[in-house]
Amino acid sequence: MIYRHLIMNVIKSFTPNSILISKKTLLIPVPCFCNINILYSSSKIRVSQKRKESIRNGDNGLHIKKEKIISLLNFQTKDDASPFYKLPIKTLLHVYKTTKIDDANLYCKNRLYYISSQLNYPSSLLSTQLARRTFIYSLSFSWLKNSLEVLLDMGVETDRIVRDLWVLKYHSETIRERLQNVKDRGIDVLYPWMVRCSEDILNRYVHMSLETKNILGETKTTQIYLANRLNISSRDVDTMCRTIPALKTIRVKYFLDFLEEEGFQLEDIASKPRILSASPKTVKKRLLQLRNLGIRQINLNILCRSKKNYKKYYESIASITKKNEQE
C-alpha cells in the first residue's frame, strides 16, 4: 500500500523536468520527453550495431570452426579440401569421425585418397564428387573396398564409376551378380546404372543392344555402320559424333530406313546428321503435320528443331496456307 501511495504521488507531481517524491526529501531530475526520445533512438542504434557485430562474429566463428575440422581431415592440398567447405558442420563432424577411425585402423588417411588410388583418378577432381556424395563416409570401409574391387574386376570404366558413385551403396555381391548377369547375356560394355535400375529397364536395354549388335554385324560399331551406310569417311563420322554424342548409341538402321522411305536422300541425311538424334516419333508427327499443309519439300533441319521453334514455324506456315485458301 505504501509503495502504491508513493507511485501515485509521483504520477500526480510529474513535471517535464522533475519528479517530486516527497516535499521533505529528494528532488530527482528526469529528462524531458525530447531527451528521452534521443536516448531511446541512440540506444536502438547501439543495440543494432551490437547485433550486426555479433552476426559477423558468428559467421567468422563458423568459418573458423569449419576450417579447424577440415584441417583434421588429412587433406594433402587446398584444392582437395576446398569443396568440403560447402558442407554443414554436422556433416563435417561425421566425415571427421569416419576419417579418424580409418586412420586409426590404418585403412587410409582419407577415403578421398583411397578411392583416388583405386580408380587412378585425380584427387582434386574426385573431391568435388565426394563432397556431393558424403554417404561414402557412412559406409563401412570393408563395404566400400569390396564394392570398388568388384566394379573394377567386372571391367566398369573409372569415369563411369566417378560419375555414378551411388553404385557404391550396393553390396559387392549384388553388384557382381547383376553385372555378371548382363555380361552372360552378351553385353560387353558395363555401366554402374545397371546395378541400380529395375529389371524391366535392364531387360529392355539388353534387348535393344543385342538387336543393334545383330544389325551392325561385322561392322561392330554404330560409327562404322554410319560411315558405310552414308558413304562417308570414318573421320567424318568421328566429327559428327563429337558434335552429336548421341549418334554413338542410337538405333540408326531403323531410323535411316524410315527417312529413306519418306523420300530423303542419304547425301541430305549425311549433311544434316542432327536429324539422327531426334525422336523418330516426333519426326513422324511433324512430317505428317507439314504434309497436311501441302508441303512436299521438307528441310530435315526443321524436323529436329526445338519444340518452341518448330511450333513458331508451323503456325507461320499454317497461317500463310489459310490466307491462300481464303483468297
Protein backbone atom coordinates (compact mmCIF):
# COMPACT_ATOMS: atom_id res chain seq x y z
CA MET A 1 0.00 0.00 0.00
CA ILE A 2 2.83 2.37 0.87
CA TYR A 3 4.57 1.59 -2.40
CA ARG A 4 1.35 2.25 -4.34
CA HIS A 5 0.85 5.54 -2.49
CA LEU A 6 4.34 6.69 -3.43
CA ILE A 7 3.76 5.81 -7.07
CA MET A 8 0.52 7.81 -7.17
CA ASN A 9 2.32 10.81 -5.66
CA VAL A 10 5.00 10.55 -8.33
CA ILE A 11 2.40 10.48 -11.12
CA LYS A 12 0.48 13.46 -9.67
CA SER A 13 3.56 15.57 -9.14
CA PHE A 14 5.11 14.81 -12.55
CA THR A 15 6.64 17.79 -14.40
CA PRO A 16 8.62 17.67 -17.66
CA ASN A 17 11.86 18.35 -15.85
CA SER A 18 11.49 16.70 -12.47
CA ILE A 19 9.62 14.27 -10.17
CA LEU A 20 8.94 15.32 -6.59
CA ILE A 21 8.91 12.16 -4.49
CA SER A 22 8.40 13.96 -1.17
CA LYS A 23 8.23 17.56 -0.09
CA LYS A 24 10.85 16.99 2.54
CA THR A 25 13.07 14.53 0.75
CA LEU A 26 14.85 14.16 -2.55
CA LEU A 27 14.17 16.01 -5.78
CA ILE A 28 15.14 13.72 -8.70
CA PRO A 29 15.52 15.39 -12.08
CA VAL A 30 14.45 13.41 -15.16
CA PRO A 31 14.95 14.27 -18.81
CA CYS A 32 12.20 15.95 -20.77
CA PHE A 33 10.30 13.95 -23.42
CA CYS A 34 12.54 15.09 -26.29
CA ASN A 35 15.65 13.94 -24.43
CA ILE A 36 14.00 10.59 -23.71
CA ASN A 37 13.40 10.10 -27.46
CA ILE A 38 17.01 10.90 -28.26
CA LEU A 39 18.28 8.46 -25.64
CA TYR A 40 15.89 5.75 -26.88
CA SER A 41 16.99 6.22 -30.50
CA SER A 42 20.68 6.13 -29.65
CA SER A 43 20.07 3.03 -27.55
CA LYS A 44 18.39 1.31 -30.52
CA ILE A 45 21.35 2.18 -32.75
CA ARG A 46 23.80 0.73 -30.23
CA VAL A 47 21.76 -2.49 -29.92
CA SER A 48 21.54 -2.78 -33.74
CA GLN A 49 25.28 -2.31 -34.11
CA LYS A 50 25.96 -4.90 -31.43
CA ARG A 51 23.61 -7.33 -33.17
CA LYS A 52 25.35 -6.84 -36.52
CA GLU A 53 28.73 -7.27 -34.89
CA SER A 54 27.50 -10.42 -33.21
CA ILE A 55 26.27 -11.83 -36.54
CA ARG A 56 29.59 -11.01 -38.20
CA ASN A 57 31.48 -12.69 -35.39
CA GLY A 58 29.11 -15.65 -35.62
CA ASP A 59 29.85 -16.13 -39.36
CA ASN A 60 33.51 -15.71 -38.65
CA GLY A 61 33.33 -18.19 -35.83
CA LEU A 62 31.52 -20.69 -38.08
CA HIS A 63 34.22 -20.38 -40.75
CA ILE A 64 36.96 -20.81 -38.15
CA LYS A 65 35.21 -23.87 -36.76
CA LYS A 66 34.86 -25.40 -40.26
CA GLU A 67 38.49 -24.66 -41.00
CA LYS A 68 39.55 -26.39 -37.80
CA ILE A 69 37.53 -29.55 -38.60
CA ILE A 70 38.75 -29.65 -42.22
CA SER A 71 42.35 -29.29 -41.04
CA LEU A 72 41.87 -32.62 -39.21
CA LEU A 73 40.67 -34.50 -42.33
CA ASN A 74 44.20 -35.15 -43.65
CA PHE A 75 43.76 -33.34 -46.97
CA GLN A 76 47.00 -33.04 -48.89
CA THR A 77 46.18 -29.86 -50.82
CA LYS A 78 43.87 -26.85 -50.59
CA ASP A 79 42.19 -27.92 -53.84
CA ASP A 80 41.27 -31.28 -52.31
CA ALA A 81 39.81 -29.58 -49.23
CA SER A 82 38.01 -26.72 -50.98
CA PRO A 83 34.68 -28.49 -51.86
CA PHE A 84 34.25 -29.62 -48.24
CA TYR A 85 33.88 -26.01 -47.01
CA LYS A 86 30.37 -26.06 -48.51
CA LEU A 87 29.27 -28.82 -46.15
CA PRO A 88 27.45 -28.08 -42.86
CA ILE A 89 29.38 -28.57 -39.63
CA LYS A 90 27.28 -31.58 -38.66
CA THR A 91 28.31 -33.40 -41.86
CA LEU A 92 31.96 -32.38 -41.45
CA LEU A 93 31.97 -33.81 -37.93
CA HIS A 94 30.64 -37.11 -39.32
CA VAL A 95 33.36 -37.13 -42.01
CA TYR A 96 35.95 -36.41 -39.30
CA LYS A 97 34.70 -39.28 -37.12
CA THR A 98 34.96 -41.75 -40.04
CA THR A 99 38.36 -40.41 -41.12
CA LYS A 100 39.68 -40.75 -37.57
CA ILE A 101 38.55 -44.41 -37.39
CA ASP A 102 40.02 -45.20 -40.85
CA ASP A 103 43.32 -43.60 -39.87
CA ALA A 104 43.49 -45.41 -36.52
CA ASN A 105 42.88 -48.76 -38.28
CA LEU A 106 45.50 -47.92 -40.96
CA TYR A 107 42.89 -48.22 -43.74
CA CYS A 108 43.61 -44.82 -45.27
CA LYS A 109 44.23 -41.19 -44.32
CA ASN A 110 41.04 -40.08 -46.05
CA ARG A 111 38.62 -42.01 -48.25
CA LEU A 112 39.18 -39.44 -50.99
CA TYR A 113 42.76 -40.71 -51.44
CA TYR A 114 41.78 -44.36 -51.14
CA ILE A 115 39.20 -44.12 -53.96
CA SER A 116 41.56 -41.90 -55.97
CA SER A 117 44.34 -44.52 -55.80
CA GLN A 118 41.99 -47.42 -56.61
CA LEU A 119 40.50 -45.66 -59.63
CA ASN A 120 43.71 -43.91 -60.66
CA TYR A 121 41.70 -40.69 -60.76
CA PRO A 122 42.95 -37.17 -59.76
CA SER A 123 42.00 -36.41 -56.14
CA SER A 124 41.34 -32.73 -56.95
CA LEU A 125 38.59 -33.76 -59.39
CA LEU A 126 37.24 -36.57 -57.25
CA SER A 127 36.96 -34.28 -54.21
CA THR A 128 34.04 -32.37 -55.73
CA GLN A 129 32.14 -35.63 -56.28
CA LEU A 130 32.78 -36.88 -52.75
CA ALA A 131 31.64 -33.59 -51.21
CA ARG A 132 28.30 -34.17 -53.01
CA ARG A 133 28.15 -37.86 -52.07
CA THR A 134 29.08 -37.82 -48.39
CA PHE A 135 27.32 -41.16 -47.86
CA ILE A 136 30.75 -42.57 -48.83
CA TYR A 137 31.83 -41.70 -45.28
CA SER A 138 28.85 -43.59 -43.83
CA LEU A 139 29.77 -46.94 -45.40
CA SER A 140 31.96 -49.38 -43.52
CA PHE A 141 35.46 -49.45 -45.01
CA SER A 142 35.18 -53.14 -45.93
CA TRP A 143 31.89 -52.45 -47.76
CA LEU A 144 33.49 -49.61 -49.76
CA LYS A 145 36.62 -51.65 -50.54
CA ASN A 146 34.72 -54.75 -51.71
CA SER A 147 32.24 -52.80 -53.87
CA LEU A 148 35.04 -50.90 -55.60
CA GLU A 149 37.02 -54.07 -56.24
CA VAL A 150 34.04 -55.84 -57.84
CA LEU A 151 33.29 -52.90 -60.15
CA LEU A 152 36.90 -52.82 -61.33
CA ASP A 153 37.10 -56.63 -61.66
CA MET A 154 33.99 -56.57 -63.85
CA GLY A 155 35.61 -54.01 -66.14
CA VAL A 156 33.49 -50.94 -65.37
CA GLU A 157 35.40 -47.88 -66.54
CA THR A 158 36.79 -45.44 -63.96
CA ASP A 159 34.99 -42.38 -65.35
CA ARG A 160 31.66 -44.17 -65.18
CA ILE A 161 32.17 -45.09 -61.52
CA VAL A 162 33.11 -41.49 -60.62
CA ARG A 163 30.02 -40.14 -62.38
CA ASP A 164 27.77 -42.66 -60.58
CA LEU A 165 29.17 -43.12 -57.06
CA TRP A 166 25.69 -44.16 -55.86
CA VAL A 167 26.53 -47.68 -57.03
CA LEU A 168 28.85 -48.00 -54.00
CA LYS A 169 25.77 -48.11 -51.79
CA TYR A 170 25.12 -51.62 -53.11
CA HIS A 171 26.66 -54.72 -51.57
CA SER A 172 29.57 -56.20 -53.52
CA GLU A 173 27.70 -59.49 -54.11
CA THR A 174 24.68 -57.63 -55.52
CA ILE A 175 26.96 -55.68 -57.86
CA ARG A 176 28.73 -58.84 -59.03
CA GLU A 177 25.53 -60.82 -59.63
CA ARG A 178 23.84 -58.01 -61.58
CA LEU A 179 26.81 -57.21 -63.80
CA GLN A 180 27.66 -60.87 -64.39
CA ASN A 181 24.05 -61.44 -65.46
CA VAL A 182 24.35 -58.63 -68.03
CA LYS A 183 27.70 -59.96 -69.24
CA ASP A 184 26.35 -63.50 -69.61
CA ARG A 185 23.63 -62.14 -71.89
CA GLY A 186 26.19 -60.86 -74.37
CA ILE A 187 26.71 -57.24 -73.25
CA ASP A 188 30.38 -56.31 -73.04
CA VAL A 189 30.17 -52.65 -72.03
CA LEU A 190 29.01 -52.34 -68.42
CA TYR A 191 27.67 -49.29 -66.56
CA PRO A 192 27.06 -48.65 -62.82
CA TRP A 193 23.40 -47.79 -63.50
CA MET A 194 22.85 -51.44 -64.50
CA VAL A 195 23.16 -52.33 -60.81
CA ARG A 196 20.58 -49.74 -59.72
CA CYS A 197 17.92 -49.87 -62.44
CA SER A 198 14.77 -52.01 -62.47
CA GLU A 199 14.70 -55.41 -64.19
CA ASP A 200 12.37 -54.04 -66.88
CA ILE A 201 14.74 -51.24 -67.86
CA LEU A 202 17.72 -53.60 -67.85
CA ASN A 203 15.92 -56.19 -69.99
CA ARG A 204 14.87 -53.52 -72.48
CA TYR A 205 18.44 -52.22 -72.73
CA VAL A 206 19.86 -55.72 -73.24
CA HIS A 207 17.26 -56.47 -75.93
CA MET A 208 17.99 -53.25 -77.83
CA SER A 209 21.76 -53.70 -77.55
CA LEU A 210 21.66 -57.26 -78.87
CA GLU A 211 19.32 -56.21 -81.67
CA THR A 212 21.68 -53.40 -82.66
CA LYS A 213 24.64 -55.78 -82.45
CA ASN A 214 22.92 -58.20 -84.84
CA ILE A 215 22.05 -55.39 -87.25
CA LEU A 216 25.56 -53.96 -87.30
CA GLY A 217 27.04 -57.42 -87.81
CA GLU A 218 30.72 -57.34 -88.71
CA THR A 219 30.88 -53.55 -88.58
CA LYS A 220 30.62 -53.90 -84.76
CA THR A 221 30.15 -50.20 -84.05
CA THR A 222 27.50 -47.64 -84.95
CA GLN A 223 30.20 -45.31 -86.27
CA ILE A 224 31.48 -47.81 -88.84
CA TYR A 225 27.89 -48.68 -89.81
CA LEU A 226 27.12 -44.98 -90.37
CA ALA A 227 30.24 -44.50 -92.48
CA ASN A 228 29.31 -47.45 -94.70
CA ARG A 229 25.60 -46.61 -94.94
CA LEU A 230 26.04 -42.88 -95.62
CA ASN A 231 29.08 -43.47 -97.84
CA ILE A 232 31.31 -41.08 -95.88
CA SER A 233 34.72 -41.44 -94.22
CA SER A 234 35.30 -42.63 -90.65
CA ARG A 235 36.85 -39.25 -89.92
CA ASP A 236 33.61 -37.51 -90.94
CA VAL A 237 31.64 -39.84 -88.66
CA ASP A 238 34.02 -39.12 -85.76
CA THR A 239 33.45 -35.39 -86.28
CA MET A 240 29.67 -35.99 -86.29
CA CYS A 241 29.87 -38.00 -83.05
CA ARG A 242 31.93 -35.31 -81.29
CA THR A 243 29.32 -32.72 -82.29
CA ILE A 244 26.36 -35.03 -81.57
CA PRO A 245 27.43 -37.61 -78.91
CA ALA A 246 24.01 -39.33 -79.10
CA LEU A 247 24.98 -40.75 -82.51
CA LYS A 248 27.17 -43.31 -80.74
CA THR A 249 24.22 -45.02 -79.08
CA ILE A 250 21.12 -44.51 -81.24
CA ARG A 251 19.48 -47.30 -83.27
CA VAL A 252 20.43 -45.80 -86.62
CA LYS A 253 19.38 -48.56 -89.00
CA TYR A 254 15.63 -48.31 -88.43
CA PHE A 255 15.70 -44.53 -88.47
CA LEU A 256 17.75 -44.41 -91.68
CA ASP A 257 15.36 -46.90 -93.28
CA PHE A 258 12.39 -44.74 -92.27
CA LEU A 259 13.94 -41.50 -93.59
CA GLU A 260 14.77 -43.14 -96.91
CA GLU A 261 11.22 -44.47 -97.19
CA GLU A 262 9.95 -40.94 -96.62
CA GLY A 263 11.96 -39.77 -99.64
CA PHE A 264 15.06 -38.25 -98.05
CA GLN A 265 18.40 -38.86 -99.79
CA LEU A 266 21.36 -40.32 -97.89
CA GLU A 267 23.50 -37.37 -99.01
CA ASP A 268 20.98 -35.00 -97.43
CA ILE A 269 20.98 -37.01 -94.19
CA ALA A 270 24.80 -37.03 -94.11
CA SER A 271 24.85 -33.24 -94.45
CA LYS A 272 22.28 -32.83 -91.65
CA PRO A 273 23.21 -35.60 -89.15
CA ARG A 274 21.40 -33.93 -86.25
CA ILE A 275 18.20 -35.46 -87.58
CA LEU A 276 19.50 -38.87 -86.43
CA SER A 277 19.47 -37.76 -82.79
CA ALA A 278 15.85 -36.58 -82.99
CA SER A 279 12.97 -38.65 -81.67
CA PRO A 280 11.59 -40.85 -84.51
CA LYS A 281 8.11 -40.40 -83.05
CA THR A 282 8.44 -36.58 -83.15
CA VAL A 283 9.84 -36.64 -86.70
CA LYS A 284 6.93 -38.80 -87.93
CA LYS A 285 4.40 -36.49 -86.30
CA ARG A 286 5.97 -33.36 -87.82
CA LEU A 287 6.22 -34.89 -91.27
CA LEU A 288 2.50 -35.68 -91.14
CA GLN A 289 1.61 -32.15 -89.96
CA LEU A 290 3.67 -30.42 -92.66
CA ARG A 291 2.41 -32.66 -95.44
CA ASN A 292 -1.17 -32.00 -94.34
CA LEU A 293 -0.38 -28.33 -95.03
CA GLY A 294 0.60 -29.31 -98.57
CA ILE A 295 4.37 -29.08 -98.14
CA ARG A 296 6.28 -31.70 -100.10
CA GLN A 297 9.90 -30.47 -99.95
CA ILE A 298 10.74 -30.53 -96.26
CA ASN A 299 14.09 -29.49 -94.80
CA LEU A 300 15.47 -32.06 -92.32
CA ASN A 301 16.67 -29.28 -90.00
CA ILE A 302 13.06 -28.19 -89.47
CA LEU A 303 12.11 -31.68 -88.29
CA CYS A 304 14.69 -31.62 -85.49
CA ARG A 305 14.09 -28.07 -84.28
CA SER A 306 13.21 -27.40 -80.63
CA LYS A 307 9.55 -27.67 -79.71
CA LYS A 308 9.22 -23.89 -79.39
CA ASN A 309 10.95 -23.08 -82.72
CA TYR A 310 9.05 -25.76 -84.59
CA LYS A 311 5.72 -24.52 -83.21
CA LYS A 312 6.52 -20.97 -84.37
CA TYR A 313 7.47 -22.24 -87.84
CA TYR A 314 4.40 -24.46 -88.11
CA GLU A 315 1.97 -21.72 -87.05
CA SER A 316 3.56 -19.32 -89.55
CA ILE A 317 3.17 -21.80 -92.44
CA ALA A 318 -0.38 -22.72 -91.32
CA SER A 319 -1.33 -19.01 -91.26
CA ILE A 320 0.02 -18.44 -94.80
CA THR A 321 -1.75 -21.58 -96.08
CA LYS A 322 -5.05 -20.43 -94.57
CA LYS A 323 -4.79 -16.97 -96.19
CA ASN A 324 -4.03 -18.52 -99.58
CA GLU A 325 -7.08 -20.77 -99.31
CA GLN A 326 -9.34 -17.80 -98.46
CA GLU A 327 -8.11 -15.86 -101.47
